[in-house]
């Protein structure tokens, strides 16, 4: 078969759209906070309404400049267009199956659910804090973990004062839940 009829890269069409983001659990839900949903939706709209049209225009301009095989603007533009389209497909799919869950409904509770900020102590007494977020919004650099992460799964449904077992590659460790908090409900828009 001619190279012209093969995919450039089999991974080009897998729609993983965001390197490093784990796939959704089979049959699971895609829990996400209202703020996380809004960020993904805003990114999707920015790609569709602003960035993609600019790249299409640049590719159109570059295509008029002759030999496309050696035209860097054209080749880069086509590559960027594929990246944008892949990200658009990824975001569309994730938003379609997203289950927006507002953690503020649990404000004042001491049990751990999605959206909780948990302070805990490990066996050595070191204290840490994390917030349980959606797969598509958790940023470990900001102390956020995905609700499907091992530590989040160990903590879910526990309460302040509980000691839970956390299975790690280094063995099973006990962690004590010191505090649980949720964001306060936002004032009703008038």
N, C-alpha and C. Protein backbone atom coordinates (compact mmCIF):
# COMPACT_ATOMS: atom_id res chain seq x y z
N UNK A 1 0.85 -1.17 0.00
CA UNK A 1 0.00 0.00 0.00
C UNK A 1 0.89 1.23 0.00
N UNK A 2 0.47 2.24 -0.68
CA UNK A 2 1.20 3.49 -0.75
C UNK A 2 1.23 4.17 0.61
N UNK A 3 2.32 4.84 0.92
CA UNK A 3 2.44 5.58 2.18
C UNK A 3 1.36 6.66 2.28
N UNK A 4 0.89 7.13 1.14
CA UNK A 4 -0.13 8.18 1.14
C UNK A 4 -1.43 7.72 1.78
N UNK A 5 -1.64 6.41 1.88
CA UNK A 5 -2.89 5.90 2.42
C UNK A 5 -2.73 5.30 3.81
N UNK A 6 -1.65 5.62 4.48
CA UNK A 6 -1.47 5.13 5.85
C UNK A 6 -1.48 6.30 6.80
N UNK A 7 -1.80 6.01 8.05
CA UNK A 7 -1.78 7.05 9.06
C UNK A 7 -0.34 7.43 9.33
N UNK A 8 -0.13 8.71 9.64
CA UNK A 8 1.21 9.15 9.98
C UNK A 8 1.71 8.43 11.21
N UNK A 9 0.81 8.23 12.15
CA UNK A 9 1.16 7.59 13.40
C UNK A 9 -0.12 6.98 13.95
N UNK A 10 -0.08 5.72 14.31
CA UNK A 10 -1.29 5.08 14.81
C UNK A 10 -1.83 5.77 16.05
N UNK A 11 -0.97 6.42 16.82
CA UNK A 11 -1.42 7.12 18.03
C UNK A 11 -2.14 8.42 17.70
N UNK A 12 -2.04 8.89 16.44
CA UNK A 12 -2.67 10.15 16.08
C UNK A 12 -4.18 10.14 16.24
N UNK A 13 -4.79 8.99 16.16
CA UNK A 13 -6.24 8.95 16.21
C UNK A 13 -6.79 8.33 17.49
N UNK A 14 -5.95 8.16 18.51
CA UNK A 14 -6.44 7.48 19.69
C UNK A 14 -7.21 8.39 20.64
N UNK A 15 -7.24 9.68 20.34
CA UNK A 15 -8.03 10.65 21.10
C UNK A 15 -7.65 10.72 22.57
N UNK A 16 -6.39 10.44 22.91
CA UNK A 16 -6.05 10.60 24.31
C UNK A 16 -5.85 12.07 24.64
N UNK A 17 -5.78 12.90 23.64
CA UNK A 17 -5.84 14.34 23.72
C UNK A 17 -5.07 15.04 24.82
N UNK A 18 -4.76 14.37 25.89
CA UNK A 18 -4.03 15.02 26.97
C UNK A 18 -3.05 14.02 27.55
N UNK A 19 -1.82 14.15 27.14
CA UNK A 19 -0.80 13.22 27.60
C UNK A 19 -0.75 13.24 29.12
N UNK A 20 -0.67 12.07 29.71
CA UNK A 20 -0.55 11.98 31.14
C UNK A 20 -1.87 11.85 31.88
N UNK A 21 -2.99 12.10 31.23
CA UNK A 21 -4.28 11.95 31.90
C UNK A 21 -4.74 10.52 31.73
N UNK A 22 -5.00 9.85 32.85
CA UNK A 22 -5.40 8.44 32.74
C UNK A 22 -6.76 8.29 32.09
N UNK A 23 -6.99 7.13 31.49
CA UNK A 23 -8.31 6.91 30.91
C UNK A 23 -9.35 6.79 32.01
N UNK A 24 -10.60 6.98 31.63
CA UNK A 24 -11.68 6.82 32.60
C UNK A 24 -11.79 5.35 32.99
N UNK A 25 -12.16 5.08 34.24
CA UNK A 25 -12.34 3.68 34.63
C UNK A 25 -13.48 3.06 33.83
N UNK A 26 -13.33 1.79 33.48
CA UNK A 26 -14.36 1.10 32.70
C UNK A 26 -15.69 1.15 33.46
N UNK A 27 -16.70 1.64 32.80
CA UNK A 27 -18.02 1.70 33.41
C UNK A 27 -18.13 2.75 34.51
N UNK A 28 -17.04 3.48 34.74
CA UNK A 28 -17.03 4.48 35.80
C UNK A 28 -17.57 5.81 35.33
N UNK A 29 -17.66 6.70 36.26
CA UNK A 29 -18.15 8.04 35.97
C UNK A 29 -16.96 8.97 35.81
N UNK A 30 -17.19 10.09 35.17
CA UNK A 30 -16.16 11.12 35.03
C UNK A 30 -16.56 12.28 35.93
N UNK A 31 -16.36 12.10 37.25
CA UNK A 31 -16.70 13.16 38.19
C UNK A 31 -15.80 14.36 37.96
N UNK A 32 -16.40 15.54 38.07
CA UNK A 32 -15.65 16.78 37.88
C UNK A 32 -16.36 17.89 38.65
N UNK A 33 -15.58 18.83 39.18
CA UNK A 33 -16.18 19.96 39.89
C UNK A 33 -16.77 20.94 38.88
N UNK A 34 -17.70 21.79 39.31
CA UNK A 34 -18.23 22.80 38.38
C UNK A 34 -17.13 23.69 37.79
N UNK A 35 -16.12 24.03 38.60
CA UNK A 35 -15.03 24.86 38.12
C UNK A 35 -14.19 24.11 37.08
N UNK A 36 -13.93 22.82 37.32
CA UNK A 36 -13.18 22.01 36.36
C UNK A 36 -13.92 21.87 35.05
N UNK A 37 -15.23 21.66 35.14
CA UNK A 37 -16.06 21.55 33.93
C UNK A 37 -15.99 22.85 33.14
N UNK A 38 -16.09 23.98 33.84
CA UNK A 38 -16.05 25.29 33.17
C UNK A 38 -14.70 25.50 32.48
N UNK A 39 -13.60 25.09 33.14
CA UNK A 39 -12.27 25.24 32.52
C UNK A 39 -12.15 24.41 31.24
N UNK A 40 -12.63 23.15 31.28
CA UNK A 40 -12.56 22.31 30.08
C UNK A 40 -13.44 22.86 28.97
N UNK A 41 -14.64 23.32 29.33
CA UNK A 41 -15.54 23.89 28.34
C UNK A 41 -14.94 25.16 27.72
N UNK A 42 -14.32 26.00 28.56
CA UNK A 42 -13.69 27.22 28.05
C UNK A 42 -12.53 26.88 27.11
N UNK A 43 -11.75 25.86 27.46
CA UNK A 43 -10.65 25.45 26.59
C UNK A 43 -11.19 24.96 25.25
N UNK A 44 -12.26 24.16 25.28
CA UNK A 44 -12.87 23.66 24.05
C UNK A 44 -13.35 24.81 23.17
N UNK A 45 -14.05 25.76 23.78
CA UNK A 45 -14.56 26.89 23.00
C UNK A 45 -13.43 27.75 22.43
N UNK A 46 -12.36 27.94 23.21
CA UNK A 46 -11.20 28.70 22.73
C UNK A 46 -10.57 28.01 21.52
N UNK A 47 -10.42 26.68 21.61
CA UNK A 47 -9.84 25.94 20.49
C UNK A 47 -10.71 26.04 19.24
N UNK A 48 -12.03 25.87 19.42
CA UNK A 48 -12.93 25.87 18.26
C UNK A 48 -13.15 27.25 17.67
N UNK A 49 -13.28 28.26 18.53
CA UNK A 49 -13.67 29.58 18.05
C UNK A 49 -12.50 30.51 17.75
N UNK A 50 -11.32 30.25 18.36
CA UNK A 50 -10.21 31.18 18.18
C UNK A 50 -9.01 30.49 17.53
N UNK A 51 -8.44 29.49 18.22
CA UNK A 51 -7.18 28.92 17.75
C UNK A 51 -7.31 28.17 16.43
N UNK A 52 -8.32 27.31 16.32
CA UNK A 52 -8.47 26.53 15.08
C UNK A 52 -8.66 27.43 13.86
N UNK A 53 -9.55 28.43 13.90
CA UNK A 53 -9.70 29.30 12.73
C UNK A 53 -8.40 30.03 12.35
N UNK A 54 -7.59 30.42 13.36
CA UNK A 54 -6.31 31.08 13.05
C UNK A 54 -5.37 30.12 12.32
N UNK A 55 -5.31 28.88 12.79
CA UNK A 55 -4.41 27.90 12.17
C UNK A 55 -4.91 27.55 10.77
N UNK A 56 -6.22 27.40 10.60
CA UNK A 56 -6.78 27.11 9.28
C UNK A 56 -6.42 28.23 8.31
N UNK A 57 -6.52 29.47 8.76
CA UNK A 57 -6.17 30.61 7.91
C UNK A 57 -4.68 30.58 7.54
N UNK A 58 -3.82 30.26 8.51
CA UNK A 58 -2.38 30.19 8.25
C UNK A 58 -2.06 29.07 7.27
N UNK A 59 -2.72 27.92 7.42
CA UNK A 59 -2.49 26.79 6.50
C UNK A 59 -2.97 27.16 5.11
N UNK A 60 -4.11 27.81 5.02
CA UNK A 60 -4.64 28.24 3.72
C UNK A 60 -3.65 29.19 3.04
N UNK A 61 -3.13 30.16 3.79
CA UNK A 61 -2.15 31.11 3.25
C UNK A 61 -0.89 30.37 2.79
N UNK A 62 -0.39 29.44 3.64
CA UNK A 62 0.84 28.71 3.32
C UNK A 62 0.64 27.80 2.10
N UNK A 63 -0.56 27.26 1.95
CA UNK A 63 -0.83 26.36 0.81
C UNK A 63 -0.75 27.12 -0.51
N UNK A 64 -1.05 28.40 -0.49
CA UNK A 64 -1.00 29.21 -1.71
C UNK A 64 0.43 29.58 -2.11
N UNK A 65 1.39 29.29 -1.24
CA UNK A 65 2.77 29.67 -1.50
C UNK A 65 3.57 28.63 -2.26
N UNK A 66 2.93 27.71 -2.89
CA UNK A 66 3.64 26.77 -3.75
C UNK A 66 3.93 25.43 -3.11
N UNK A 67 5.13 24.90 -3.37
CA UNK A 67 5.54 23.55 -3.00
C UNK A 67 5.28 23.27 -1.52
N UNK A 68 4.30 22.45 -1.26
CA UNK A 68 3.92 22.15 0.12
C UNK A 68 4.89 21.21 0.82
N UNK A 69 5.64 20.41 0.05
CA UNK A 69 6.53 19.44 0.66
C UNK A 69 7.70 20.10 1.39
N UNK A 70 8.04 21.32 1.03
CA UNK A 70 9.14 22.02 1.68
C UNK A 70 8.67 23.31 2.35
N UNK A 71 7.39 23.44 2.55
CA UNK A 71 6.80 24.64 3.11
C UNK A 71 6.61 24.43 4.61
N UNK A 72 7.51 24.97 5.42
CA UNK A 72 7.47 24.78 6.87
C UNK A 72 6.19 25.29 7.50
N UNK A 73 5.70 26.45 7.04
CA UNK A 73 4.46 27.00 7.60
C UNK A 73 3.30 26.05 7.35
N UNK A 74 3.25 25.49 6.15
CA UNK A 74 2.17 24.57 5.80
C UNK A 74 2.28 23.29 6.63
N UNK A 75 3.48 22.70 6.67
CA UNK A 75 3.66 21.43 7.39
C UNK A 75 3.39 21.60 8.89
N UNK A 76 3.92 22.68 9.49
CA UNK A 76 3.68 22.92 10.90
C UNK A 76 2.19 23.17 11.14
N UNK A 77 1.58 23.97 10.27
CA UNK A 77 0.16 24.28 10.42
C UNK A 77 -0.72 23.04 10.37
N UNK A 78 -0.43 22.14 9.43
CA UNK A 78 -1.21 20.90 9.33
C UNK A 78 -1.03 20.05 10.59
N UNK A 79 0.21 19.99 11.08
CA UNK A 79 0.48 19.22 12.31
C UNK A 79 -0.27 19.83 13.48
N UNK A 80 -0.22 21.15 13.62
CA UNK A 80 -0.91 21.83 14.72
C UNK A 80 -2.42 21.65 14.60
N UNK A 81 -2.93 21.65 13.38
CA UNK A 81 -4.35 21.44 13.16
C UNK A 81 -4.78 20.05 13.64
N UNK A 82 -3.96 19.03 13.36
CA UNK A 82 -4.26 17.67 13.84
C UNK A 82 -4.26 17.63 15.37
N UNK A 83 -3.31 18.33 16.00
CA UNK A 83 -3.25 18.37 17.46
C UNK A 83 -4.50 19.04 18.04
N UNK A 84 -4.90 20.15 17.43
CA UNK A 84 -6.09 20.87 17.89
C UNK A 84 -7.32 19.99 17.72
N UNK A 85 -7.47 19.35 16.56
CA UNK A 85 -8.64 18.51 16.32
C UNK A 85 -8.69 17.33 17.29
N UNK A 86 -7.52 16.75 17.59
CA UNK A 86 -7.46 15.63 18.53
C UNK A 86 -7.89 16.10 19.93
N UNK A 87 -7.42 17.28 20.34
CA UNK A 87 -7.78 17.82 21.65
C UNK A 87 -9.27 18.17 21.69
N UNK A 88 -9.81 18.70 20.60
CA UNK A 88 -11.24 19.01 20.53
C UNK A 88 -12.07 17.72 20.71
N UNK A 89 -11.67 16.65 20.01
CA UNK A 89 -12.39 15.38 20.15
C UNK A 89 -12.31 14.86 21.58
N UNK A 90 -11.12 14.94 22.17
CA UNK A 90 -10.92 14.48 23.55
C UNK A 90 -11.81 15.26 24.51
N UNK A 91 -11.76 16.59 24.43
CA UNK A 91 -12.55 17.43 25.33
C UNK A 91 -14.04 17.20 25.14
N UNK A 92 -14.47 17.07 23.89
CA UNK A 92 -15.89 16.83 23.61
C UNK A 92 -16.35 15.54 24.27
N UNK A 93 -15.56 14.47 24.09
CA UNK A 93 -15.93 13.18 24.69
C UNK A 93 -15.96 13.27 26.21
N UNK A 94 -14.94 13.90 26.81
CA UNK A 94 -14.87 13.99 28.27
C UNK A 94 -16.02 14.82 28.83
N UNK A 95 -16.36 15.92 28.16
CA UNK A 95 -17.45 16.76 28.64
C UNK A 95 -18.81 16.07 28.49
N UNK A 96 -18.96 15.26 27.44
CA UNK A 96 -20.22 14.54 27.23
C UNK A 96 -20.51 13.56 28.37
N UNK A 97 -19.48 12.95 28.91
CA UNK A 97 -19.68 11.94 29.97
C UNK A 97 -19.38 12.49 31.37
N UNK A 98 -19.09 13.79 31.45
CA UNK A 98 -18.77 14.39 32.75
C UNK A 98 -19.99 14.39 33.65
N UNK A 99 -19.74 14.09 34.91
CA UNK A 99 -20.79 14.19 35.92
C UNK A 99 -20.36 15.28 36.89
N UNK A 100 -20.95 16.46 36.71
CA UNK A 100 -20.57 17.60 37.54
C UNK A 100 -21.07 17.37 38.96
N UNK A 101 -20.12 17.43 39.89
CA UNK A 101 -20.43 17.18 41.30
C UNK A 101 -19.90 18.36 42.11
N UNK A 102 -20.78 19.03 42.79
CA UNK A 102 -20.40 20.21 43.57
C UNK A 102 -20.01 19.79 44.98
N UNK A 103 -18.73 19.90 45.34
CA UNK A 103 -18.30 19.47 46.67
C UNK A 103 -18.88 20.32 47.80
N UNK A 104 -19.33 21.53 47.50
CA UNK A 104 -19.84 22.40 48.57
C UNK A 104 -21.11 21.84 49.22
N UNK A 105 -21.78 20.88 48.59
CA UNK A 105 -22.98 20.30 49.20
C UNK A 105 -22.63 19.51 50.46
N UNK A 106 -21.35 19.17 50.62
CA UNK A 106 -20.90 18.43 51.80
C UNK A 106 -20.27 19.36 52.85
N UNK A 107 -20.34 20.67 52.63
CA UNK A 107 -19.73 21.64 53.54
C UNK A 107 -20.19 21.37 54.98
N UNK A 108 -19.22 21.32 55.89
CA UNK A 108 -19.55 21.09 57.30
C UNK A 108 -19.52 19.63 57.70
N UNK A 109 -19.39 18.71 56.77
CA UNK A 109 -19.35 17.28 57.09
C UNK A 109 -17.93 16.84 57.40
N UNK A 110 -17.82 15.74 58.13
CA UNK A 110 -16.49 15.22 58.46
C UNK A 110 -16.17 13.93 57.72
N UNK A 111 -17.03 13.54 56.77
CA UNK A 111 -16.78 12.33 55.98
C UNK A 111 -16.21 12.73 54.62
N UNK A 112 -15.32 11.89 54.09
CA UNK A 112 -14.61 12.22 52.86
C UNK A 112 -15.39 11.74 51.64
N UNK A 113 -15.72 12.70 50.79
CA UNK A 113 -16.36 12.45 49.50
C UNK A 113 -15.56 13.20 48.44
N UNK A 114 -15.99 13.07 47.19
CA UNK A 114 -15.37 13.81 46.09
C UNK A 114 -15.34 15.30 46.43
N UNK A 115 -14.20 15.93 46.19
CA UNK A 115 -14.07 17.36 46.42
C UNK A 115 -13.55 17.74 47.79
N UNK A 116 -13.35 16.76 48.67
CA UNK A 116 -12.88 17.04 50.02
C UNK A 116 -11.41 17.45 50.02
N UNK A 117 -11.09 18.36 50.91
CA UNK A 117 -9.69 18.67 51.21
C UNK A 117 -9.41 17.94 52.52
N UNK A 118 -8.41 17.08 52.49
CA UNK A 118 -8.13 16.19 53.62
C UNK A 118 -6.72 16.45 54.14
N UNK A 119 -6.62 16.67 55.45
CA UNK A 119 -5.32 16.73 56.10
C UNK A 119 -5.15 15.40 56.82
N UNK A 120 -4.00 14.77 56.60
CA UNK A 120 -3.77 13.45 57.20
C UNK A 120 -2.33 13.34 57.68
N UNK A 121 -2.09 12.36 58.54
CA UNK A 121 -0.74 12.10 59.03
C UNK A 121 -0.39 10.66 58.68
N UNK A 122 0.87 10.48 58.24
CA UNK A 122 1.31 9.12 57.94
C UNK A 122 1.91 8.49 59.20
N UNK A 123 2.45 7.29 59.07
CA UNK A 123 2.97 6.54 60.22
C UNK A 123 4.10 7.26 60.94
N UNK A 124 4.83 8.11 60.22
CA UNK A 124 5.96 8.82 60.83
C UNK A 124 5.52 10.13 61.48
N UNK A 125 4.25 10.47 61.34
CA UNK A 125 3.73 11.71 61.92
C UNK A 125 3.76 12.89 60.96
N UNK A 126 4.32 12.69 59.76
CA UNK A 126 4.33 13.77 58.78
C UNK A 126 2.90 14.07 58.34
N UNK A 127 2.55 15.35 58.35
CA UNK A 127 1.21 15.76 57.94
C UNK A 127 1.24 16.26 56.50
N UNK A 128 0.19 15.91 55.78
CA UNK A 128 0.04 16.36 54.39
C UNK A 128 -1.41 16.74 54.17
N UNK A 129 -1.62 17.49 53.10
CA UNK A 129 -2.98 17.88 52.75
C UNK A 129 -3.18 17.66 51.26
N UNK A 130 -4.35 17.18 50.90
CA UNK A 130 -4.67 16.97 49.50
C UNK A 130 -6.16 17.23 49.28
N UNK A 131 -6.48 17.51 48.03
CA UNK A 131 -7.88 17.70 47.64
C UNK A 131 -8.21 16.67 46.58
N UNK A 132 -9.33 15.99 46.73
CA UNK A 132 -9.75 14.94 45.81
C UNK A 132 -10.56 15.59 44.69
N UNK A 133 -10.04 15.47 43.45
CA UNK A 133 -10.63 16.14 42.30
C UNK A 133 -10.93 15.14 41.18
N UNK A 134 -11.43 15.66 40.08
CA UNK A 134 -11.71 14.85 38.90
C UNK A 134 -10.44 14.50 38.15
N UNK A 135 -10.50 13.45 37.35
CA UNK A 135 -9.36 12.97 36.58
C UNK A 135 -8.81 14.07 35.68
N UNK A 136 -9.68 14.83 35.06
CA UNK A 136 -9.28 15.83 34.07
C UNK A 136 -8.86 17.17 34.68
N UNK A 137 -8.97 17.31 36.01
CA UNK A 137 -8.67 18.60 36.62
C UNK A 137 -7.62 18.56 37.72
N UNK A 138 -7.31 17.39 38.26
CA UNK A 138 -6.37 17.28 39.37
C UNK A 138 -4.97 17.66 38.94
N UNK A 139 -4.32 18.50 39.74
CA UNK A 139 -2.94 18.90 39.48
C UNK A 139 -2.12 18.62 40.74
N UNK A 140 -1.25 17.63 40.65
CA UNK A 140 -0.50 17.20 41.82
C UNK A 140 0.37 18.31 42.39
N UNK A 141 0.87 19.22 41.56
CA UNK A 141 1.69 20.33 42.04
C UNK A 141 0.91 21.25 42.97
N UNK A 142 -0.41 21.19 42.89
CA UNK A 142 -1.25 22.02 43.75
C UNK A 142 -1.91 21.20 44.85
N UNK A 143 -1.39 20.00 45.10
CA UNK A 143 -1.92 19.17 46.18
C UNK A 143 -3.25 18.52 45.85
N UNK A 144 -3.52 18.35 44.57
CA UNK A 144 -4.78 17.73 44.15
C UNK A 144 -4.49 16.33 43.62
N UNK A 145 -5.38 15.40 43.94
CA UNK A 145 -5.27 14.04 43.42
C UNK A 145 -6.58 13.65 42.77
N UNK A 146 -6.49 12.77 41.80
CA UNK A 146 -7.68 12.26 41.13
C UNK A 146 -8.44 11.32 42.07
N UNK A 147 -9.75 11.31 41.95
CA UNK A 147 -10.56 10.45 42.81
C UNK A 147 -10.30 8.97 42.57
N UNK A 148 -9.63 8.62 41.46
CA UNK A 148 -9.31 7.21 41.21
C UNK A 148 -7.91 6.84 41.69
N UNK A 149 -7.17 7.80 42.24
CA UNK A 149 -5.81 7.51 42.72
C UNK A 149 -5.90 6.59 43.95
N UNK A 150 -4.85 5.81 44.20
CA UNK A 150 -4.87 4.90 45.35
C UNK A 150 -5.14 5.61 46.68
N UNK A 151 -4.53 6.77 46.90
CA UNK A 151 -4.74 7.45 48.18
C UNK A 151 -6.17 7.96 48.31
N UNK A 152 -6.74 8.47 47.21
CA UNK A 152 -8.13 8.95 47.26
C UNK A 152 -9.08 7.79 47.52
N UNK A 153 -8.85 6.66 46.87
CA UNK A 153 -9.71 5.49 47.08
C UNK A 153 -9.62 4.99 48.52
N UNK A 154 -8.43 5.07 49.10
CA UNK A 154 -8.28 4.65 50.50
C UNK A 154 -9.01 5.60 51.43
N UNK A 155 -9.00 6.89 51.10
CA UNK A 155 -9.60 7.90 51.99
C UNK A 155 -11.12 8.04 51.83
N UNK A 156 -11.64 7.79 50.64
CA UNK A 156 -13.07 8.01 50.40
C UNK A 156 -13.93 7.26 51.42
N UNK A 157 -14.90 7.95 51.95
CA UNK A 157 -15.88 7.48 52.94
C UNK A 157 -15.33 7.42 54.36
N UNK A 158 -14.03 7.66 54.54
CA UNK A 158 -13.47 7.72 55.89
C UNK A 158 -13.93 9.02 56.55
N UNK A 159 -13.75 9.12 57.86
CA UNK A 159 -14.13 10.31 58.62
C UNK A 159 -12.93 10.83 59.41
N UNK A 160 -13.08 12.04 59.91
CA UNK A 160 -12.03 12.60 60.77
C UNK A 160 -11.78 11.62 61.91
N UNK A 161 -10.50 11.37 62.18
CA UNK A 161 -10.13 10.46 63.26
C UNK A 161 -9.92 9.02 62.82
N UNK A 162 -10.42 8.66 61.65
CA UNK A 162 -10.25 7.29 61.15
C UNK A 162 -8.80 7.04 60.74
N UNK A 163 -8.38 5.79 60.89
CA UNK A 163 -7.09 5.35 60.37
C UNK A 163 -7.39 4.40 59.22
N UNK A 164 -6.83 4.71 58.04
CA UNK A 164 -7.09 3.87 56.87
C UNK A 164 -5.79 3.25 56.39
N UNK A 165 -5.93 2.16 55.70
CA UNK A 165 -4.76 1.47 55.15
C UNK A 165 -4.60 1.88 53.68
N UNK A 166 -3.36 2.24 53.35
CA UNK A 166 -3.02 2.67 52.00
C UNK A 166 -2.01 1.68 51.43
N UNK A 167 -2.42 0.95 50.39
CA UNK A 167 -1.53 -0.01 49.73
C UNK A 167 -0.64 0.74 48.75
N UNK A 168 0.68 0.60 48.92
CA UNK A 168 1.64 1.22 48.03
C UNK A 168 2.60 0.15 47.54
N UNK A 169 3.39 0.44 46.52
CA UNK A 169 4.38 -0.54 46.07
C UNK A 169 5.36 -0.93 47.19
N UNK A 170 5.55 -0.03 48.17
CA UNK A 170 6.46 -0.32 49.28
C UNK A 170 5.80 -1.04 50.44
N UNK A 171 4.53 -1.38 50.29
CA UNK A 171 3.82 -2.08 51.36
C UNK A 171 2.58 -1.32 51.78
N UNK A 172 1.90 -1.84 52.79
CA UNK A 172 0.68 -1.22 53.29
C UNK A 172 1.05 -0.26 54.42
N UNK A 173 0.55 0.97 54.32
CA UNK A 173 0.83 1.99 55.33
C UNK A 173 -0.49 2.46 55.92
N UNK A 174 -0.43 2.89 57.18
CA UNK A 174 -1.61 3.45 57.82
C UNK A 174 -1.50 4.97 57.81
N UNK A 175 -2.61 5.62 57.50
CA UNK A 175 -2.67 7.08 57.56
C UNK A 175 -3.90 7.47 58.37
N UNK A 176 -3.74 8.51 59.18
CA UNK A 176 -4.83 8.96 60.04
C UNK A 176 -5.43 10.25 59.47
N UNK A 177 -6.74 10.28 59.34
CA UNK A 177 -7.44 11.46 58.85
C UNK A 177 -7.53 12.47 59.99
N UNK A 178 -6.91 13.64 59.80
CA UNK A 178 -6.90 14.67 60.83
C UNK A 178 -8.05 15.66 60.67
N UNK A 179 -8.30 16.07 59.43
CA UNK A 179 -9.41 17.00 59.19
C UNK A 179 -9.94 16.84 57.78
N UNK A 180 -11.20 17.19 57.61
CA UNK A 180 -11.88 17.12 56.32
C UNK A 180 -12.61 18.45 56.14
N UNK A 181 -12.44 19.08 54.97
CA UNK A 181 -13.17 20.31 54.71
C UNK A 181 -13.63 20.35 53.25
N UNK A 182 -14.64 21.16 53.05
CA UNK A 182 -15.21 21.36 51.71
C UNK A 182 -15.36 22.86 51.49
N UNK A 183 -15.38 23.28 50.23
CA UNK A 183 -15.61 24.72 49.99
C UNK A 183 -17.01 25.10 50.44
N UNK A 184 -17.17 26.34 50.91
CA UNK A 184 -18.52 26.76 51.32
C UNK A 184 -19.42 26.92 50.11
N UNK A 185 -20.71 26.72 50.29
CA UNK A 185 -21.63 26.92 49.16
C UNK A 185 -21.55 28.37 48.67
N UNK A 186 -21.61 28.55 47.37
CA UNK A 186 -21.57 29.91 46.85
C UNK A 186 -22.91 30.56 47.08
N UNK A 187 -22.90 31.87 47.33
CA UNK A 187 -24.18 32.56 47.55
C UNK A 187 -25.07 32.44 46.31
N UNK A 188 -26.34 32.29 46.54
CA UNK A 188 -27.29 32.17 45.42
C UNK A 188 -27.27 33.43 44.59
N UNK A 189 -27.17 33.21 43.27
CA UNK A 189 -27.18 34.35 42.35
C UNK A 189 -28.57 34.93 42.30
N UNK A 190 -28.66 36.24 42.45
CA UNK A 190 -29.97 36.88 42.51
C UNK A 190 -30.38 37.33 41.21
